[in-house]
Amino acid sequence: MKRLSLVLTLVMAAFFAFGQEVQRTITGVVRDGAGESVIGASILIQGTSTGTVTDIDGNFSLSTTKVAPMLVISYTGYGTQEIQVGAANNYEVTLAEGIEISEVVVTALGIERK
């Protein structure tokens, strides 16, 4: 009987030790090259569907159970940036401007002449 209770105790301890995931909150601010806050930038944890957007001050906060997640930050008109999250929980991200369009070609399809 003692042996059975010992085995059950060890099995339950293993479930508790390996079954618990540590919840971690990552916060930060997203700015552009001029230091202005970027409103509505998308922050996504790579390989998951967990993500958020920045508020009016460029701040974001998201929770994850991953140990060392990769954050993917993107915004229209700016280059996508990937940040490997380390031991810190607070990050300041500066987005660089993306590719600018130098010229546009307009074509007219479907125009008929009489």
Protein backbone atom coordinates (compact mmCIF):
# COMPACT_ATOMS: atom_id res chain seq x y z
CA MET A 1 0.00 0.00 0.00
CA LYS A 2 2.86 2.37 0.80
CA ARG A 3 4.46 1.63 -2.56
CA LEU A 4 1.22 2.44 -4.42
CA SER A 5 0.73 5.72 -2.58
CA LEU A 6 4.37 6.65 -3.26
CA VAL A 7 3.95 5.98 -6.99
CA LEU A 8 0.71 8.00 -7.12
CA THR A 9 2.35 10.88 -5.29
CA LEU A 10 5.28 10.90 -7.73
CA VAL A 11 2.95 10.78 -10.74
CA MET A 12 0.85 13.67 -9.40
CA ALA A 13 4.00 15.70 -8.67
CA ALA A 14 5.18 15.15 -12.25
CA PHE A 15 1.83 16.34 -13.63
CA PHE A 16 1.98 19.50 -11.54
CA ALA A 17 5.63 20.18 -12.37
CA PHE A 18 5.33 19.72 -16.16
CA GLY A 19 1.70 20.67 -16.63
CA GLN A 20 1.93 24.22 -15.40
CA GLU A 21 2.75 26.89 -17.93
CA VAL A 22 4.17 30.16 -16.72
CA GLN A 23 2.13 33.13 -17.94
CA ARG A 24 4.32 36.03 -19.02
CA THR A 25 3.23 39.56 -19.95
CA ILE A 26 5.31 41.44 -22.51
CA THR A 27 4.84 45.21 -22.74
CA GLY A 28 6.41 47.96 -24.75
CA VAL A 29 6.05 50.98 -26.99
CA VAL A 30 6.34 51.29 -30.78
CA ARG A 31 7.75 54.52 -32.28
CA ASP A 32 8.73 55.69 -35.75
CA GLY A 33 12.11 57.11 -36.78
CA ALA A 34 11.15 60.60 -35.55
CA GLY A 35 10.23 59.30 -32.09
CA GLU A 36 6.46 59.68 -32.58
CA SER A 37 4.22 56.90 -31.28
CA VAL A 38 2.76 54.57 -33.91
CA ILE A 39 -0.98 54.08 -33.41
CA GLY A 40 -2.43 50.73 -34.55
CA ALA A 41 0.81 48.84 -35.21
CA SER A 42 0.33 45.07 -35.21
CA ILE A 43 2.31 42.94 -32.75
CA LEU A 44 2.11 39.17 -33.24
CA ILE A 45 3.87 36.27 -31.53
CA GLN A 46 5.45 34.31 -34.38
CA GLY A 47 3.94 30.88 -34.95
CA THR A 48 0.76 31.64 -32.98
CA SER A 49 -2.45 33.58 -33.43
CA THR A 50 -1.74 35.64 -30.31
CA GLY A 51 -1.34 39.31 -31.02
CA THR A 52 -2.39 42.86 -30.24
CA VAL A 53 -2.28 46.40 -31.63
CA THR A 54 -0.75 49.54 -30.16
CA ASP A 55 -2.93 52.15 -28.46
CA ILE A 56 -2.98 55.91 -29.02
CA ASP A 57 0.35 56.31 -27.20
CA GLY A 58 2.03 53.44 -29.10
CA ASN A 59 1.90 51.13 -26.05
CA PHE A 60 1.18 47.42 -26.26
CA SER A 61 0.78 44.52 -23.85
CA LEU A 62 0.30 40.83 -24.54
CA SER A 63 0.49 37.61 -22.56
CA THR A 64 2.14 34.37 -23.60
CA THR A 65 3.28 31.06 -22.17
CA LYS A 66 6.22 30.72 -24.57
CA VAL A 67 9.67 30.87 -22.98
CA ALA A 68 11.47 32.95 -25.64
CA PRO A 69 8.91 34.15 -28.21
CA MET A 70 9.68 36.09 -31.38
CA LEU A 71 7.61 39.27 -31.77
CA VAL A 72 6.70 40.40 -35.30
CA ILE A 73 5.85 44.11 -35.46
CA SER A 74 4.33 45.56 -38.63
CA TYR A 75 2.56 48.71 -39.76
CA THR A 76 1.53 50.02 -43.17
CA GLY A 77 4.28 52.10 -44.73
CA TYR A 78 6.98 50.72 -42.43
CA GLY A 79 9.24 47.69 -42.63
CA THR A 80 8.33 44.60 -40.62
CA GLN A 81 10.59 44.08 -37.61
CA GLU A 82 11.20 40.86 -35.67
CA ILE A 83 12.40 40.96 -32.07
CA GLN A 84 13.62 37.96 -30.08
CA VAL A 85 12.25 38.34 -26.55
CA GLY A 86 14.80 37.67 -23.84
CA ALA A 87 14.65 38.03 -20.08
CA ALA A 88 13.24 41.58 -20.19
CA ASN A 89 9.49 42.16 -20.20
CA ASN A 90 9.46 45.75 -21.49
CA TYR A 91 10.62 46.72 -25.00
CA GLU A 92 10.93 49.92 -27.02
CA VAL A 93 10.67 49.31 -30.76
CA THR A 94 11.57 51.81 -33.50
CA LEU A 95 10.12 51.04 -36.93
CA ALA A 96 12.03 52.07 -40.05
CA GLU A 97 10.18 53.46 -43.04
CA GLY A 98 9.41 50.88 -45.71
CA ILE A 99 9.85 51.01 -49.46
CA GLU A 100 8.66 54.21 -51.11
CA ILE A 101 7.02 54.15 -54.52
CA SER A 102 8.99 56.34 -56.91
CA GLU A 103 6.67 56.15 -59.92
CA VAL A 104 3.25 54.84 -60.84
CA VAL A 105 2.12 53.57 -64.24
CA VAL A 106 -1.59 53.91 -65.03
CA THR A 107 -3.06 51.80 -67.80
CA ALA A 108 -6.48 52.09 -69.37
CA LEU A 109 -8.07 48.73 -69.97
CA GLY A 110 -11.45 48.38 -71.59
CA ILE A 111 -11.55 51.83 -73.25
CA GLU A 112 -13.24 51.70 -76.64
CA ARG A 113 -12.94 54.25 -79.41
CA LYS A 114 -15.64 54.91 -81.97
